[in-house]
Amino acid sequence: MTDTDPLIVSALLDEETQAELDAQRRRLFPSRRLVVGAHLTLFHALPGARADEVVTVLEQLAQRPPIEARVRAPFALGRGVAYRIEAPGLDTVHAAVARRFADDLTRQDARRPHHHVTVQNKVDGETAKATLAELVASHSPYPATVVGLALWRYRGGPWEAAGEFPFRG
C-alpha cells in the first residue's frame, strides 16, 4: 500500500545557523505547539504517492554545491516572527522541483518562494510585536550556508524524517 501523506521538502542549514534558529524557536514558540524545529520549507505538500520520484529529483539536486545564504532582518507574521533568508540559489532548486511536479503543486507551493525561518508563531499580536522589536534591536545579518535538502512526511502535526540529501558538488 502506498503512503499518501504529503511530503515536505526543507533546506538543511549549516550546524551553527540551525542551532541558533532552533534555540530561538524553542525560546519563543509556544511549547504546546512546538512539534518541529526551526526549518526553511521549500515545499509544504508534494504528493506522497510520488515519493520515489521526489527522492530521485532530490538526489539529482544534491549533485550541486552548497548554497550561500544570509540571515536577514526579522519580520512580522501577524501572530509571530520569522527571519528572511536570502539564498538566490534556492530559487533554482525550487524551480527544478516545481517543474517536475507542476500538476500536483498546491497554490502555496506553486508561487515564488519567500525564504524564511519562523521562530515564533501562534501567539497574540502584542507578544509578536514585542518579540519583533526585541529581535530587530539585537539582529545583525549574518552569513549561512544551505548544505542540502531534507524530505519529511507530514503526519497531521509532527513531521517524520524521510531522507536527507546533502549537497556534494
C-alpha atoms as a PDB file:
ATOM      1  CA  MET A   1       0.000   0.000   0.000  1.00  0.00           C
ATOM      2  CA  THR A   2       1.318   3.430  -0.936  1.00  0.00           C
ATOM      3  CA  ASP A   3       1.812   6.081   1.739  1.00  0.00           C
ATOM      4  CA  THR A   4      -0.127   9.120   0.568  1.00  0.00           C
ATOM      5  CA  ASP A   5       0.630  11.511   3.437  1.00  0.00           C
ATOM      6  CA  PRO A   6       2.046  14.737   1.941  1.00  0.00           C
ATOM      7  CA  LEU A   7       5.767  15.271   1.557  1.00  0.00           C
ATOM      8  CA  ILE A   8       7.583  18.357   2.812  1.00  0.00           C
ATOM      9  CA  VAL A   9      10.925  19.484   1.421  1.00  0.00           C
ATOM     10  CA  SER A  10      13.073  21.780   3.542  1.00  0.00           C
ATOM     11  CA  ALA A  11      16.547  23.247   3.201  1.00  0.00           C
ATOM     12  CA  LEU A  12      19.269  21.995   5.528  1.00  0.00           C
ATOM     13  CA  LEU A  13      21.238  24.840   7.090  1.00  0.00           C
ATOM     14  CA  ASP A  14      24.782  24.706   8.401  1.00  0.00           C
ATOM     15  CA  GLU A  15      25.044  23.450  12.001  1.00  0.00           C
ATOM     16  CA  GLU A  16      25.766  26.826  13.607  1.00  0.00           C
ATOM     17  CA  THR A  17      22.864  28.612  11.908  1.00  0.00           C
ATOM     18  CA  GLN A  18      20.499  25.718  12.617  1.00  0.00           C
ATOM     19  CA  ALA A  19      21.492  25.672  16.301  1.00  0.00           C
ATOM     20  CA  GLU A  20      20.907  29.430  16.643  1.00  0.00           C
ATOM     21  CA  LEU A  21      17.498  29.352  14.963  1.00  0.00           C
ATOM     22  CA  ASP A  22      16.447  26.227  16.901  1.00  0.00           C
ATOM     23  CA  ALA A  23      17.376  27.927  20.192  1.00  0.00           C
ATOM     24  CA  GLN A  24      15.317  30.980  19.301  1.00  0.00           C
ATOM     25  CA  ARG A  25      12.361  28.852  18.224  1.00  0.00           C
ATOM     26  CA  ARG A  26      12.442  26.868  21.495  1.00  0.00           C
ATOM     27  CA  ARG A  27      12.553  30.127  23.463  1.00  0.00           C
ATOM     28  CA  LEU A  28       9.871  32.000  21.510  1.00  0.00           C
ATOM     29  CA  PHE A  29       7.409  29.406  20.211  1.00  0.00           C
ATOM     30  CA  PRO A  30       4.530  28.297  22.454  1.00  0.00           C
ATOM     31  CA  SER A  31       5.804  24.980  23.848  1.00  0.00           C
ATOM     32  CA  ARG A  32       2.475  23.186  23.411  1.00  0.00           C
ATOM     33  CA  ARG A  33       2.585  23.997  19.666  1.00  0.00           C
ATOM     34  CA  LEU A  34       6.263  23.212  19.080  1.00  0.00           C
ATOM     35  CA  VAL A  35       6.243  19.979  17.060  1.00  0.00           C
ATOM     36  CA  VAL A  36       9.225  20.621  14.750  1.00  0.00           C
ATOM     37  CA  GLY A  37      12.455  22.570  14.988  1.00  0.00           C
ATOM     38  CA  ALA A  38      13.369  25.656  13.005  1.00  0.00           C
ATOM     39  CA  HIS A  39      13.071  24.977   9.294  1.00  0.00           C
ATOM     40  CA  LEU A  40      13.207  26.630   5.902  1.00  0.00           C
ATOM     41  CA  THR A  41      10.388  24.985   3.950  1.00  0.00           C
ATOM     42  CA  LEU A  42      10.629  24.836   0.164  1.00  0.00           C
ATOM     43  CA  PHE A  43       7.525  22.681  -0.424  1.00  0.00           C
ATOM     44  CA  HIS A  44       4.685  22.104   2.018  1.00  0.00           C
ATOM     45  CA  ALA A  45       2.736  19.312   0.321  1.00  0.00           C
ATOM     46  CA  LEU A  46       4.243  17.333  -2.522  1.00  0.00           C
ATOM     47  CA  PRO A  47       2.237  14.222  -3.426  1.00  0.00           C
ATOM     48  CA  GLY A  48       3.071  11.408  -1.015  1.00  0.00           C
ATOM     49  CA  ALA A  49       2.160   8.765  -3.582  1.00  0.00           C
ATOM     50  CA  ARG A  50       5.020  10.047  -5.771  1.00  0.00           C
ATOM     51  CA  ALA A  51       7.687   9.711  -3.064  1.00  0.00           C
ATOM     52  CA  ASP A  52      10.064   7.707  -5.277  1.00  0.00           C
ATOM     53  CA  GLU A  53      10.020  10.466  -7.901  1.00  0.00           C
ATOM     54  CA  VAL A  54      10.575  13.139  -5.252  1.00  0.00           C
ATOM     55  CA  VAL A  55      13.584  11.220  -3.917  1.00  0.00           C
ATOM     56  CA  THR A  56      15.006  10.904  -7.445  1.00  0.00           C
ATOM     57  CA  VAL A  57      14.726  14.668  -8.021  1.00  0.00           C
ATOM     58  CA  LEU A  58      16.301  15.474  -4.638  1.00  0.00           C
ATOM     59  CA  GLU A  59      19.168  13.063  -5.315  1.00  0.00           C
ATOM     60  CA  GLN A  60      19.805  14.818  -8.638  1.00  0.00           C
ATOM     61  CA  LEU A  61      19.713  18.250  -6.998  1.00  0.00           C
ATOM     62  CA  ALA A  62      22.163  17.076  -4.329  1.00  0.00           C
ATOM     63  CA  GLN A  63      24.883  16.997  -7.009  1.00  0.00           C
ATOM     64  CA  ARG A  64      25.156  20.789  -6.724  1.00  0.00           C
ATOM     65  CA  PRO A  65      27.464  22.684  -4.350  1.00  0.00           C
ATOM     66  CA  PRO A  66      26.222  24.214  -1.091  1.00  0.00           C
ATOM     67  CA  ILE A  67      24.296  27.472  -1.430  1.00  0.00           C
ATOM     68  CA  GLU A  68      25.492  30.702   0.137  1.00  0.00           C
ATOM     69  CA  ALA A  69      22.799  32.367   2.195  1.00  0.00           C
ATOM     70  CA  ARG A  70      22.298  35.272   4.562  1.00  0.00           C
ATOM     71  CA  VAL A  71      20.007  35.510   7.584  1.00  0.00           C
ATOM     72  CA  ARG A  72      18.359  38.888   7.118  1.00  0.00           C
ATOM     73  CA  ALA A  73      16.151  41.044   9.302  1.00  0.00           C
ATOM     74  CA  PRO A  74      13.266  39.512  11.221  1.00  0.00           C
ATOM     75  CA  PHE A  75       9.755  40.405  10.079  1.00  0.00           C
ATOM     76  CA  ALA A  76       6.215  40.179  11.422  1.00  0.00           C
ATOM     77  CA  LEU A  77       3.927  37.288  10.558  1.00  0.00           C
ATOM     78  CA  GLY A  78       0.929  38.786  12.334  1.00  0.00           C
ATOM     79  CA  ARG A  79       0.905  36.296  15.188  1.00  0.00           C
ATOM     80  CA  GLY A  80       4.613  35.550  15.056  1.00  0.00           C
ATOM     81  CA  VAL A  81       8.057  36.437  13.744  1.00  0.00           C
ATOM     82  CA  ALA A  82      10.362  34.978  11.110  1.00  0.00           C
ATOM     83  CA  TYR A  83      13.797  35.722   9.672  1.00  0.00           C
ATOM     84  CA  ARG A  84      14.175  36.400   5.961  1.00  0.00           C
ATOM     85  CA  ILE A  85      16.699  34.092   4.364  1.00  0.00           C
ATOM     86  CA  GLU A  86      18.439  35.425   1.277  1.00  0.00           C
ATOM     87  CA  ALA A  87      19.593  32.483  -0.821  1.00  0.00           C
ATOM     88  CA  PRO A  88      19.154  33.026  -4.563  1.00  0.00           C
ATOM     89  CA  GLY A  89      20.440  29.526  -5.313  1.00  0.00           C
ATOM     90  CA  LEU A  90      17.391  28.096  -3.556  1.00  0.00           C
ATOM     91  CA  ASP A  91      15.177  29.660  -6.219  1.00  0.00           C
ATOM     92  CA  THR A  92      16.861  27.384  -8.775  1.00  0.00           C
ATOM     93  CA  VAL A  93      16.271  24.347  -6.557  1.00  0.00           C
ATOM     94  CA  HIS A  94      12.628  25.323  -6.031  1.00  0.00           C
ATOM     95  CA  ALA A  95      12.085  25.856  -9.767  1.00  0.00           C
ATOM     96  CA  ALA A  96      13.512  22.423 -10.639  1.00  0.00           C
ATOM     97  CA  VAL A  97      11.181  20.618  -8.236  1.00  0.00           C
ATOM     98  CA  ALA A  98       8.216  22.799  -9.208  1.00  0.00           C
ATOM     99  CA  ARG A  99       8.680  21.977 -12.903  1.00  0.00           C
ATOM    100  CA  ARG A 100       8.722  18.245 -12.196  1.00  0.00           C
ATOM    101  CA  PHE A 101       5.569  18.287 -10.050  1.00  0.00           C
ATOM    102  CA  ALA A 102       3.753  21.267 -11.619  1.00  0.00           C
ATOM    103  CA  ASP A 103       0.420  19.464 -11.971  1.00  0.00           C
ATOM    104  CA  ASP A 104       0.427  18.412  -8.313  1.00  0.00           C
ATOM    105  CA  LEU A 105       1.516  21.609  -6.579  1.00  0.00           C
ATOM    106  CA  THR A 106      -0.663  23.372  -4.076  1.00  0.00           C
ATOM    107  CA  ARG A 107      -1.232  27.072  -4.626  1.00  0.00           C
ATOM    108  CA  GLN A 108       1.248  27.807  -1.800  1.00  0.00           C
ATOM    109  CA  ASP A 109       3.961  25.618  -3.336  1.00  0.00           C
ATOM    110  CA  ALA A 110       3.426  26.876  -6.907  1.00  0.00           C
ATOM    111  CA  ARG A 111       4.170  30.511  -6.161  1.00  0.00           C
ATOM    112  CA  ARG A 112       7.625  32.073  -5.985  1.00  0.00           C
ATOM    113  CA  PRO A 113       9.104  31.256  -2.573  1.00  0.00           C
ATOM    114  CA  HIS A 114       9.894  33.879   0.052  1.00  0.00           C
ATOM    115  CA  HIS A 115      12.554  32.052   2.013  1.00  0.00           C
ATOM    116  CA  HIS A 116      12.226  32.408   5.767  1.00  0.00           C
ATOM    117  CA  VAL A 117      12.532  30.591   9.071  1.00  0.00           C
ATOM    118  CA  THR A 118       9.732  31.098  11.576  1.00  0.00           C
ATOM    119  CA  VAL A 119      10.945  31.380  15.167  1.00  0.00           C
ATOM    120  CA  GLN A 120       7.605  32.360  16.685  1.00  0.00           C
ATOM    121  CA  ASN A 121       4.004  31.742  15.668  1.00  0.00           C
ATOM    122  CA  LYS A 122       0.528  31.327  17.127  1.00  0.00           C
ATOM    123  CA  VAL A 123       0.955  33.984  19.823  1.00  0.00           C
ATOM    124  CA  ASP A 124      -1.153  37.091  20.429  1.00  0.00           C
ATOM    125  CA  GLY A 125      -0.392  40.234  18.444  1.00  0.00           C
ATOM    126  CA  GLU A 126       1.166  42.118  21.349  1.00  0.00           C
ATOM    127  CA  THR A 127       3.570  39.295  22.127  1.00  0.00           C
ATOM    128  CA  ALA A 128       4.564  39.070  18.461  1.00  0.00           C
ATOM    129  CA  LYS A 129       5.073  42.843  18.284  1.00  0.00           C
ATOM    130  CA  ALA A 130       7.301  42.783  21.386  1.00  0.00           C
ATOM    131  CA  THR A 131       9.297  39.839  20.020  1.00  0.00           C
ATOM    132  CA  LEU A 132       9.828  41.588  16.700  1.00  0.00           C
ATOM    133  CA  ALA A 133      11.086  44.724  18.455  1.00  0.00           C
ATOM    134  CA  GLU A 134      13.491  42.632  20.575  1.00  0.00           C
ATOM    135  CA  LEU A 135      14.855  40.692  17.603  1.00  0.00           C
ATOM    136  CA  VAL A 136      15.191  43.738  15.336  1.00  0.00           C
ATOM    137  CA  ALA A 137      17.150  45.561  18.050  1.00  0.00           C
ATOM    138  CA  SER A 138      19.613  42.712  18.518  1.00  0.00           C
ATOM    139  CA  HIS A 139      19.931  41.326  14.977  1.00  0.00           C
ATOM    140  CA  SER A 140      22.739  41.876  12.532  1.00  0.00           C
ATOM    141  CA  PRO A 141      22.539  39.992   9.242  1.00  0.00           C
ATOM    142  CA  TYR A 142      24.936  37.058   9.135  1.00  0.00           C
ATOM    143  CA  PRO A 143      26.112  34.501   6.599  1.00  0.00           C
ATOM    144  CA  ALA A 144      24.733  30.989   6.478  1.00  0.00           C
ATOM    145  CA  THR A 145      25.041  28.035   4.157  1.00  0.00           C
ATOM    146  CA  VAL A 146      22.359  25.749   2.769  1.00  0.00           C
ATOM    147  CA  VAL A 147      24.111  22.390   2.923  1.00  0.00           C
ATOM    148  CA  GLY A 148      21.402  20.159   1.490  1.00  0.00           C
ATOM    149  CA  LEU A 149      17.741  19.228   1.410  1.00  0.00           C
ATOM    150  CA  ALA A 150      15.553  17.224   3.771  1.00  0.00           C
ATOM    151  CA  LEU A 151      12.435  15.214   2.994  1.00  0.00           C
ATOM    152  CA  TRP A 152       9.640  14.752   5.525  1.00  0.00           C
ATOM    153  CA  ARG A 153       6.230  13.101   5.728  1.00  0.00           C
ATOM    154  CA  TYR A 154       3.545  15.278   7.231  1.00  0.00           C
ATOM    155  CA  ARG A 155       1.748  13.211   9.868  1.00  0.00           C
ATOM    156  CA  GLY A 156      -1.010  15.622  10.862  1.00  0.00           C
ATOM    157  CA  GLY A 157       1.226  17.740  13.096  1.00  0.00           C
ATOM    158  CA  PRO A 158       4.577  16.051  13.666  1.00  0.00           C
ATOM    159  CA  TRP A 159       6.888  15.554  10.722  1.00  0.00           C
ATOM    160  CA  GLU A 160       8.519  12.189  10.110  1.00  0.00           C
ATOM    161  CA  ALA A 161      12.013  12.260   8.623  1.00  0.00           C
ATOM    162  CA  ALA A 162      12.085  10.579   5.218  1.00  0.00           C
ATOM    163  CA  GLY A 163      15.581  11.424   3.979  1.00  0.00           C
ATOM    164  CA  GLU A 164      18.449  13.895   3.792  1.00  0.00           C
ATOM    165  CA  PHE A 165      20.236  14.913   0.612  1.00  0.00           C
ATOM    166  CA  PRO A 166      23.484  16.770   1.390  1.00  0.00           C
ATOM    167  CA  PHE A 167      24.883  18.892  -1.421  1.00  0.00           C
ATOM    168  CA  ARG A 168      28.051  17.286  -2.809  1.00  0.00           C
ATOM    169  CA  GLY A 169      29.073  19.356  -5.814  1.00  0.00           C
END
